PDB file of N, CA and C in Angstrom:
ATOM      1  N   UNK A   1      36.792 -57.387 -17.549  1.00  0.00           N
ATOM      2  CA  UNK A   1      35.994 -57.265 -16.748  1.00  0.00           C
ATOM      3  C   UNK A   1      36.293 -57.123 -15.257  1.00  0.00           C
ATOM      4  N   UNK A   2      36.470 -56.480 -14.414  1.00  0.00           N
ATOM      5  CA  UNK A   2      36.525 -56.915 -12.980  1.00  0.00           C
ATOM      6  C   UNK A   2      35.582 -57.892 -12.235  1.00  0.00           C
ATOM      7  N   UNK A   3      36.538 -58.659 -11.678  1.00  0.00           N
ATOM      8  CA  UNK A   3      36.205 -59.870 -10.749  1.00  0.00           C
ATOM      9  C   UNK A   3      35.872 -59.824  -9.597  1.00  0.00           C
ATOM     10  N   UNK A   4      34.935 -60.286  -9.319  1.00  0.00           N
ATOM     11  CA  UNK A   4      33.998 -60.149  -7.975  1.00  0.00           C
ATOM     12  C   UNK A   4      33.991 -61.165  -7.251  1.00  0.00           C
ATOM     13  N   UNK A   5      34.289 -61.527  -6.243  1.00  0.00           N
ATOM     14  CA  UNK A   5      33.858 -62.825  -5.102  1.00  0.00           C
ATOM     15  C   UNK A   5      32.897 -62.500  -4.340  1.00  0.00           C
ATOM     16  N   UNK A   6      31.219 -63.129  -4.477  1.00  0.00           N
ATOM     17  CA  UNK A   6      30.500 -62.942  -3.946  1.00  0.00           C
ATOM     18  C   UNK A   6      30.263 -63.348  -2.075  1.00  0.00           C
ATOM     19  N   UNK A   7      30.173 -62.364  -1.067  1.00  0.00           N
ATOM     20  CA  UNK A   7      29.907 -62.477   0.022  1.00  0.00           C
ATOM     21  C   UNK A   7      28.937 -62.817   0.470  1.00  0.00           C
ATOM     22  N   UNK A   8      27.495 -62.838  -0.230  1.00  0.00           N
ATOM     23  CA  UNK A   8      26.352 -63.771   0.261  1.00  0.00           C
ATOM     24  C   UNK A   8      25.593 -64.132  -0.832  1.00  0.00           C
ATOM     25  N   UNK A   9      24.968 -64.749  -0.968  1.00  0.00           N
ATOM     26  CA  UNK A   9      24.265 -65.721  -1.891  1.00  0.00           C
ATOM     27  C   UNK A   9      23.409 -64.921  -2.853  1.00  0.00           C
ATOM     28  N   UNK A  10      23.213 -64.846  -3.902  1.00  0.00           N
ATOM     29  CA  UNK A  10      22.217 -64.556  -4.604  1.00  0.00           C
ATOM     30  C   UNK A  10      21.044 -65.494  -4.649  1.00  0.00           C
ATOM     31  N   UNK A  11      19.964 -64.958  -4.736  1.00  0.00           N
ATOM     32  CA  UNK A  11      18.859 -65.785  -5.280  1.00  0.00           C
ATOM     33  C   UNK A  11      17.777 -64.964  -6.129  1.00  0.00           C
ATOM     34  N   UNK A  12      17.170 -65.893  -6.711  1.00  0.00           N
ATOM     35  CA  UNK A  12      15.848 -65.056  -7.584  1.00  0.00           C
ATOM     36  C   UNK A  12      14.796 -64.726  -6.433  1.00  0.00           C
ATOM     37  N   UNK A  13      13.813 -64.055  -7.211  1.00  0.00           N
ATOM     38  CA  UNK A  13      12.545 -63.940  -6.213  1.00  0.00           C
ATOM     39  C   UNK A  13      11.941 -64.711  -5.541  1.00  0.00           C
ATOM     40  N   UNK A  14      11.662 -66.167  -6.345  1.00  0.00           N
ATOM     41  CA  UNK A  14      11.011 -67.371  -5.851  1.00  0.00           C
ATOM     42  C   UNK A  14      12.019 -68.035  -5.275  1.00  0.00           C
ATOM     43  N   UNK A  15      13.177 -67.459  -4.653  1.00  0.00           N
ATOM     44  CA  UNK A  15      14.393 -68.112  -3.610  1.00  0.00           C
ATOM     45  C   UNK A  15      15.185 -69.510  -4.251  1.00  0.00           C
ATOM     46  N   UNK A  16      15.452 -69.265  -5.633  1.00  0.00           N
ATOM     47  CA  UNK A  16      16.199 -70.428  -5.914  1.00  0.00           C
ATOM     48  C   UNK A  16      17.674 -69.046  -5.920  1.00  0.00           C
ATOM     49  N   UNK A  17      18.495 -70.539  -5.603  1.00  0.00           N
ATOM     50  CA  UNK A  17      19.819 -69.936  -5.286  1.00  0.00           C
ATOM     51  C   UNK A  17      20.542 -70.032  -7.124  1.00  0.00           C
ATOM     52  N   UNK A  18      21.129 -68.293  -7.346  1.00  0.00           N
ATOM     53  CA  UNK A  18      21.571 -68.275  -8.298  1.00  0.00           C
ATOM     54  C   UNK A  18      23.264 -68.581  -8.417  1.00  0.00           C
ATOM     55  N   UNK A  19      23.893 -68.039  -7.346  1.00  0.00           N
ATOM     56  CA  UNK A  19      25.114 -67.822  -6.995  1.00  0.00           C
ATOM     57  C   UNK A  19      25.419 -68.166  -5.380  1.00  0.00           C
ATOM     58  N   UNK A  20      25.988 -69.242  -4.881  1.00  0.00           N
ATOM     59  CA  UNK A  20      26.470 -68.926  -3.653  1.00  0.00           C
ATOM     60  C   UNK A  20      27.656 -68.608  -3.188  1.00  0.00           C
ATOM     61  N   UNK A  21      27.904 -68.087  -1.838  1.00  0.00           N
ATOM     62  CA  UNK A  21      28.702 -67.364  -1.376  1.00  0.00           C
ATOM     63  C   UNK A  21      30.057 -67.677  -1.800  1.00  0.00           C
ATOM     64  N   UNK A  22      30.872 -66.885  -2.113  1.00  0.00           N
ATOM     65  CA  UNK A  22      32.364 -67.055  -2.583  1.00  0.00           C
ATOM     66  C   UNK A  22      32.377 -67.046  -3.991  1.00  0.00           C
ATOM     67  N   UNK A  23      31.192 -66.994  -4.642  1.00  0.00           N
ATOM     68  CA  UNK A  23      31.514 -67.380  -6.134  1.00  0.00           C
ATOM     69  C   UNK A  23      32.115 -66.230  -6.909  1.00  0.00           C
ATOM     70  N   UNK A  24      33.296 -66.643  -7.326  1.00  0.00           N
ATOM     71  CA  UNK A  24      33.724 -65.639  -8.470  1.00  0.00           C
ATOM     72  C   UNK A  24      32.822 -65.234  -9.449  1.00  0.00           C
ATOM     73  N   UNK A  25      32.640 -63.899  -9.670  1.00  0.00           N
ATOM     74  CA  UNK A  25      31.512 -63.502 -10.973  1.00  0.00           C
ATOM     75  C   UNK A  25      32.665 -63.103 -12.091  1.00  0.00           C
ATOM     76  N   UNK A  26      32.694 -63.916 -13.229  1.00  0.00           N
ATOM     77  CA  UNK A  26      33.074 -63.315 -14.346  1.00  0.00           C
ATOM     78  C   UNK A  26      31.935 -63.055 -15.385  1.00  0.00           C
ATOM     79  N   UNK A  27      32.527 -62.784 -16.356  1.00  0.00           N
ATOM     80  CA  UNK A  27      31.920 -62.446 -17.498  1.00  0.00           C
ATOM     81  C   UNK A  27      30.813 -63.746 -18.581  1.00  0.00           C
ATOM     82  N   UNK A  28      31.615 -64.715 -17.768  1.00  0.00           N
ATOM     83  CA  UNK A  28      31.223 -65.920 -18.238  1.00  0.00           C
ATOM     84  C   UNK A  28      29.967 -66.922 -17.273  1.00  0.00           C
ATOM     85  N   UNK A  29      30.257 -66.330 -15.901  1.00  0.00           N
ATOM     86  CA  UNK A  29      29.150 -66.847 -15.163  1.00  0.00           C
ATOM     87  C   UNK A  29      27.996 -66.338 -15.049  1.00  0.00           C
ATOM     88  N   UNK A  30      28.137 -64.752 -15.599  1.00  0.00           N
ATOM     89  CA  UNK A  30      26.818 -63.734 -15.877  1.00  0.00           C
ATOM     90  C   UNK A  30      26.125 -64.311 -16.901  1.00  0.00           C
ATOM     91  N   UNK A  31      27.155 -64.620 -18.073  1.00  0.00           N
ATOM     92  CA  UNK A  31      26.342 -65.119 -19.379  1.00  0.00           C
ATOM     93  C   UNK A  31      25.556 -66.216 -19.170  1.00  0.00           C
ATOM     94  N   UNK A  32      25.927 -67.335 -18.326  1.00  0.00           N
ATOM     95  CA  UNK A  32      25.613 -68.403 -18.119  1.00  0.00           C
ATOM     96  C   UNK A  32      24.076 -68.160 -17.461  1.00  0.00           C
ATOM     97  N   UNK A  33      23.858 -66.992 -16.406  1.00  0.00           N
ATOM     98  CA  UNK A  33      22.763 -66.968 -15.952  1.00  0.00           C
ATOM     99  C   UNK A  33      21.582 -65.845 -17.061  1.00  0.00           C
ATOM    100  N   UNK A  34      21.969 -65.331 -17.680  1.00  0.00           N
ATOM    101  CA  UNK A  34      21.710 -64.322 -18.605  1.00  0.00           C
ATOM    102  C   UNK A  34      20.956 -64.712 -19.796  1.00  0.00           C
ATOM    103  N   UNK A  35      22.040 -65.671 -20.336  1.00  0.00           N
ATOM    104  CA  UNK A  35      21.613 -66.259 -21.639  1.00  0.00           C
ATOM    105  C   UNK A  35      20.369 -67.012 -21.999  1.00  0.00           C
ATOM    106  N   UNK A  36      20.076 -68.386 -21.036  1.00  0.00           N
ATOM    107  CA  UNK A  36      18.967 -68.754 -20.972  1.00  0.00           C
ATOM    108  C   UNK A  36      17.352 -68.180 -20.692  1.00  0.00           C
ATOM    109  N   UNK A  37      17.769 -66.968 -20.195  1.00  0.00           N
ATOM    110  CA  UNK A  37      16.192 -66.479 -19.971  1.00  0.00           C
ATOM    111  C   UNK A  37      16.125 -64.973 -20.674  1.00  0.00           C
ATOM    112  N   UNK A  38      17.262 -65.133 -22.102  1.00  0.00           N
ATOM    113  CA  UNK A  38      17.072 -63.778 -22.925  1.00  0.00           C
ATOM    114  C   UNK A  38      15.345 -63.853 -24.009  1.00  0.00           C
ATOM    115  N   UNK A  39      15.631 -65.027 -23.825  1.00  0.00           N
ATOM    116  CA  UNK A  39      13.984 -65.360 -24.876  1.00  0.00           C
ATOM    117  C   UNK A  39      12.580 -65.128 -24.190  1.00  0.00           C
ATOM    118  N   UNK A  40      13.156 -64.999 -22.711  1.00  0.00           N
ATOM    119  CA  UNK A  40      11.581 -65.083 -21.757  1.00  0.00           C
ATOM    120  C   UNK A  40      11.229 -63.358 -21.763  1.00  0.00           C
ATOM    121  N   UNK A  41      10.035 -63.290 -22.116  1.00  0.00           N
ATOM    122  CA  UNK A  41       9.539 -61.667 -21.860  1.00  0.00           C
ATOM    123  C   UNK A  41       8.680 -61.688 -20.608  1.00  0.00           C
ATOM    124  N   UNK A  42       8.876 -60.896 -19.873  1.00  0.00           N
ATOM    125  CA  UNK A  42       7.743 -60.636 -18.560  1.00  0.00           C
ATOM    126  C   UNK A  42       6.534 -59.970 -19.031  1.00  0.00           C
ATOM    127  N   UNK A  43       5.628 -60.062 -18.679  1.00  0.00           N
ATOM    128  CA  UNK A  43       4.445 -59.066 -18.692  1.00  0.00           C
ATOM    129  C   UNK A  43       4.747 -57.807 -17.828  1.00  0.00           C
ATOM    130  N   UNK A  44       4.119 -56.998 -18.824  1.00  0.00           N
ATOM    131  CA  UNK A  44       4.263 -55.690 -18.270  1.00  0.00           C
ATOM    132  C   UNK A  44       2.967 -55.060 -18.242  1.00  0.00           C
ATOM    133  N   UNK A  45       2.125 -54.341 -17.093  1.00  0.00           N
ATOM    134  CA  UNK A  45       1.521 -53.704 -16.321  1.00  0.00           C
ATOM    135  C   UNK A  45       1.647 -52.044 -16.572  1.00  0.00           C
ATOM    136  N   UNK A  46       0.725 -51.529 -16.888  1.00  0.00           N
ATOM    137  CA  UNK A  46       0.799 -50.041 -16.743  1.00  0.00           C
ATOM    138  C   UNK A  46       0.353 -49.537 -15.260  1.00  0.00           C
ATOM    139  N   UNK A  47       1.698 -49.107 -14.929  1.00  0.00           N
ATOM    140  CA  UNK A  47       0.950 -48.453 -13.118  1.00  0.00           C
ATOM    141  C   UNK A  47       0.072 -47.537 -12.856  1.00  0.00           C
ATOM    142  N   UNK A  48      -0.102 -46.410 -14.040  1.00  0.00           N
ATOM    143  CA  UNK A  48      -0.976 -45.350 -14.137  1.00  0.00           C
ATOM    144  C   UNK A  48      -2.259 -45.882 -13.901  1.00  0.00           C
ATOM    145  N   UNK A  49      -2.462 -47.073 -14.972  1.00  0.00           N
ATOM    146  CA  UNK A  49      -3.754 -47.730 -15.045  1.00  0.00           C
ATOM    147  C   UNK A  49      -4.347 -48.474 -13.593  1.00  0.00           C
ATOM    148  N   UNK A  50      -3.540 -48.358 -12.698  1.00  0.00           N
ATOM    149  CA  UNK A  50      -3.918 -49.230 -11.204  1.00  0.00           C
ATOM    150  C   UNK A  50      -3.957 -48.499 -10.474  1.00  0.00           C
ATOM    151  N   UNK A  51      -5.572 -48.713  -9.939  1.00  0.00           N
ATOM    152  CA  UNK A  51      -6.317 -47.895  -9.007  1.00  0.00           C
ATOM    153  C   UNK A  51      -6.076 -46.319  -9.319  1.00  0.00           C
ATOM    154  N   UNK A  52      -5.881 -45.644  -8.329  1.00  0.00           N
ATOM    155  CA  UNK A  52      -6.080 -44.320  -8.765  1.00  0.00           C
ATOM    156  C   UNK A  52      -4.839 -43.377  -8.349  1.00  0.00           C
ATOM    157  N   UNK A  53      -3.601 -44.159  -8.804  1.00  0.00           N
ATOM    158  CA  UNK A  53      -2.707 -43.987  -9.153  1.00  0.00           C
ATOM    159  C   UNK A  53      -2.371 -42.552 -10.425  1.00  0.00           C
ATOM    160  N   UNK A  54      -2.835 -42.742 -11.528  1.00  0.00           N
ATOM    161  CA  UNK A  54      -2.907 -41.490 -12.086  1.00  0.00           C
ATOM    162  C   UNK A  54      -3.283 -40.280 -11.543  1.00  0.00           C
ATOM    163  N   UNK A  55      -5.045 -40.503 -10.926  1.00  0.00           N
ATOM    164  CA  UNK A  55      -5.419 -39.207 -10.190  1.00  0.00           C
ATOM    165  C   UNK A  55      -4.777 -38.414  -9.381  1.00  0.00           C
ATOM    166  N   UNK A  56      -3.762 -39.378  -8.213  1.00  0.00           N
ATOM    167  CA  UNK A  56      -3.151 -39.029  -7.097  1.00  0.00           C
ATOM    168  C   UNK A  56      -1.808 -38.526  -7.689  1.00  0.00           C
ATOM    169  N   UNK A  57      -1.217 -38.678  -8.989  1.00  0.00           N
ATOM    170  CA  UNK A  57      -0.096 -38.084  -9.530  1.00  0.00           C
ATOM    171  C   UNK A  57      -0.173 -36.907  -9.988  1.00  0.00           C
ATOM    172  N   UNK A  58      -1.661 -36.698 -10.643  1.00  0.00           N
ATOM    173  CA  UNK A  58      -1.963 -35.608 -11.238  1.00  0.00           C
ATOM    174  C   UNK A  58      -2.108 -34.567 -10.292  1.00  0.00           C
ATOM    175  N   UNK A  59      -3.273 -34.818  -9.140  1.00  0.00           N
ATOM    176  CA  UNK A  59      -3.166 -34.273  -7.937  1.00  0.00           C
ATOM    177  C   UNK A  59      -2.251 -33.510  -7.202  1.00  0.00           C
ATOM    178  N   UNK A  60      -1.159 -34.614  -7.179  1.00  0.00           N
ATOM    179  CA  UNK A  60       0.431 -34.369  -6.730  1.00  0.00           C
ATOM    180  C   UNK A  60       1.004 -33.170  -7.280  1.00  0.00           C
ATOM    181  N   UNK A  61       0.709 -33.170  -8.230  1.00  0.00           N
ATOM    182  CA  UNK A  61       1.939 -32.320  -9.279  1.00  0.00           C
ATOM    183  C   UNK A  61       0.912 -30.637  -9.814  1.00  0.00           C
ATOM    184  N   UNK A  62      -0.331 -30.768  -9.180  1.00  0.00           N
ATOM    185  CA  UNK A  62      -0.895 -29.316  -9.270  1.00  0.00           C
ATOM    186  C   UNK A  62      -0.628 -28.617  -8.243  1.00  0.00           C
ATOM    187  N   UNK A  63      -0.232 -29.396  -7.306  1.00  0.00           N
ATOM    188  CA  UNK A  63      -0.145 -28.774  -5.850  1.00  0.00           C
ATOM    189  C   UNK A  63       1.630 -27.818  -5.761  1.00  0.00           C
ATOM    190  N   UNK A  64       1.807 -26.999  -4.905  1.00  0.00           N
ATOM    191  CA  UNK A  64       2.803 -25.840  -4.796  1.00  0.00           C
ATOM    192  C   UNK A  64       3.817 -26.781  -4.319  1.00  0.00           C
ATOM    193  N   UNK A  65       5.447 -26.617  -5.181  1.00  0.00           N
ATOM    194  CA  UNK A  65       6.046 -25.468  -6.090  1.00  0.00           C
ATOM    195  C   UNK A  65       5.813 -26.493  -7.116  1.00  0.00           C
ATOM    196  N   UNK A  66       5.425 -27.945  -7.514  1.00  0.00           N
ATOM    197  CA  UNK A  66       5.164 -28.699  -9.107  1.00  0.00           C
ATOM    198  C   UNK A  66       3.817 -27.879  -9.725  1.00  0.00           C
ATOM    199  N   UNK A  67       3.320 -27.342  -9.177  1.00  0.00           N
ATOM    200  CA  UNK A  67       2.394 -26.626 -10.030  1.00  0.00           C
ATOM    201  C   UNK A  67       2.643 -25.806 -10.868  1.00  0.00           C
ATOM    202  N   UNK A  68       3.856 -24.746 -10.341  1.00  0.00           N
ATOM    203  CA  UNK A  68       5.001 -24.035 -11.180  1.00  0.00           C
ATOM    204  C   UNK A  68       5.776 -24.693 -12.396  1.00  0.00           C
ATOM    205  N   UNK A  69       6.566 -25.746 -11.547  1.00  0.00           N
ATOM    206  CA  UNK A  69       7.882 -26.683 -12.521  1.00  0.00           C
ATOM    207  C   UNK A  69       6.850 -27.374 -13.330  1.00  0.00           C
ATOM    208  N   UNK A  70       5.678 -27.471 -13.538  1.00  0.00           N
ATOM    209  CA  UNK A  70       5.051 -28.343 -14.796  1.00  0.00           C
ATOM    210  C   UNK A  70       3.859 -27.388 -15.068  1.00  0.00           C
ATOM    211  N   UNK A  71       4.088 -26.392 -14.977  1.00  0.00           N
ATOM    212  CA  UNK A  71       3.256 -25.241 -15.635  1.00  0.00           C
ATOM    213  C   UNK A  71       2.752 -25.323 -17.238  1.00  0.00           C
ATOM    214  N   UNK A  72       1.581 -25.436 -17.830  1.00  0.00           N
ATOM    215  CA  UNK A  72       1.714 -25.100 -18.873  1.00  0.00           C
ATOM    216  C   UNK A  72       2.132 -24.050 -19.612  1.00  0.00           C
ATOM    217  N   UNK A  73       2.759 -23.915 -20.921  1.00  0.00           N
ATOM    218  CA  UNK A  73       3.766 -22.876 -21.148  1.00  0.00           C
ATOM    219  C   UNK A  73       2.362 -21.803 -21.552  1.00  0.00           C
ATOM    220  N   UNK A  74       1.505 -22.599 -22.067  1.00  0.00           N
ATOM    221  CA  UNK A  74       0.026 -21.508 -22.758  1.00  0.00           C
ATOM    222  C   UNK A  74      -0.571 -20.790 -21.554  1.00  0.00           C
ATOM    223  N   UNK A  75      -0.668 -21.321 -20.271  1.00  0.00           N
ATOM    224  CA  UNK A  75      -1.094 -20.709 -19.359  1.00  0.00           C
ATOM    225  C   UNK A  75      -0.151 -19.921 -18.404  1.00  0.00           C
ATOM    226  N   UNK A  76       0.937 -19.697 -18.671  1.00  0.00           N
ATOM    227  CA  UNK A  76       2.194 -19.063 -18.396  1.00  0.00           C
ATOM    228  C   UNK A  76       1.880 -17.604 -17.692  1.00  0.00           C
ATOM    229  N   UNK A  77       2.100 -17.302 -16.764  1.00  0.00           N
ATOM    230  CA  UNK A  77       2.339 -15.780 -16.071  1.00  0.00           C
ATOM    231  C   UNK A  77       3.078 -14.682 -16.604  1.00  0.00           C
ATOM    232  N   UNK A  78       4.063 -15.086 -17.483  1.00  0.00           N
ATOM    233  CA  UNK A  78       5.402 -14.558 -18.287  1.00  0.00           C
ATOM    234  C   UNK A  78       4.687 -14.238 -19.400  1.00  0.00           C
ATOM    235  N   UNK A  79       4.698 -13.092 -19.985  1.00  0.00           N
ATOM    236  CA  UNK A  79       4.270 -12.934 -21.426  1.00  0.00           C
ATOM    237  C   UNK A  79       5.595 -12.549 -22.201  1.00  0.00           C
TER     238      UNK A  79
END
């Protein structure tokens, strides 16, 4: 594995320091961060169920040129 030296700190989304600058990234250092979190499952949410996202996407895809790209094959103009 290619070994990299960090130029900047790496932090989690909640600002916990994972690696300070000048850390040599090796397979072992990455495994030390990944391994304890393997069992944790993050909740998932459907983006399409949020607000008007699904309707907005369908509306957008029904406008040119996307209406032709995603045309229903049964409604194709070519016979």
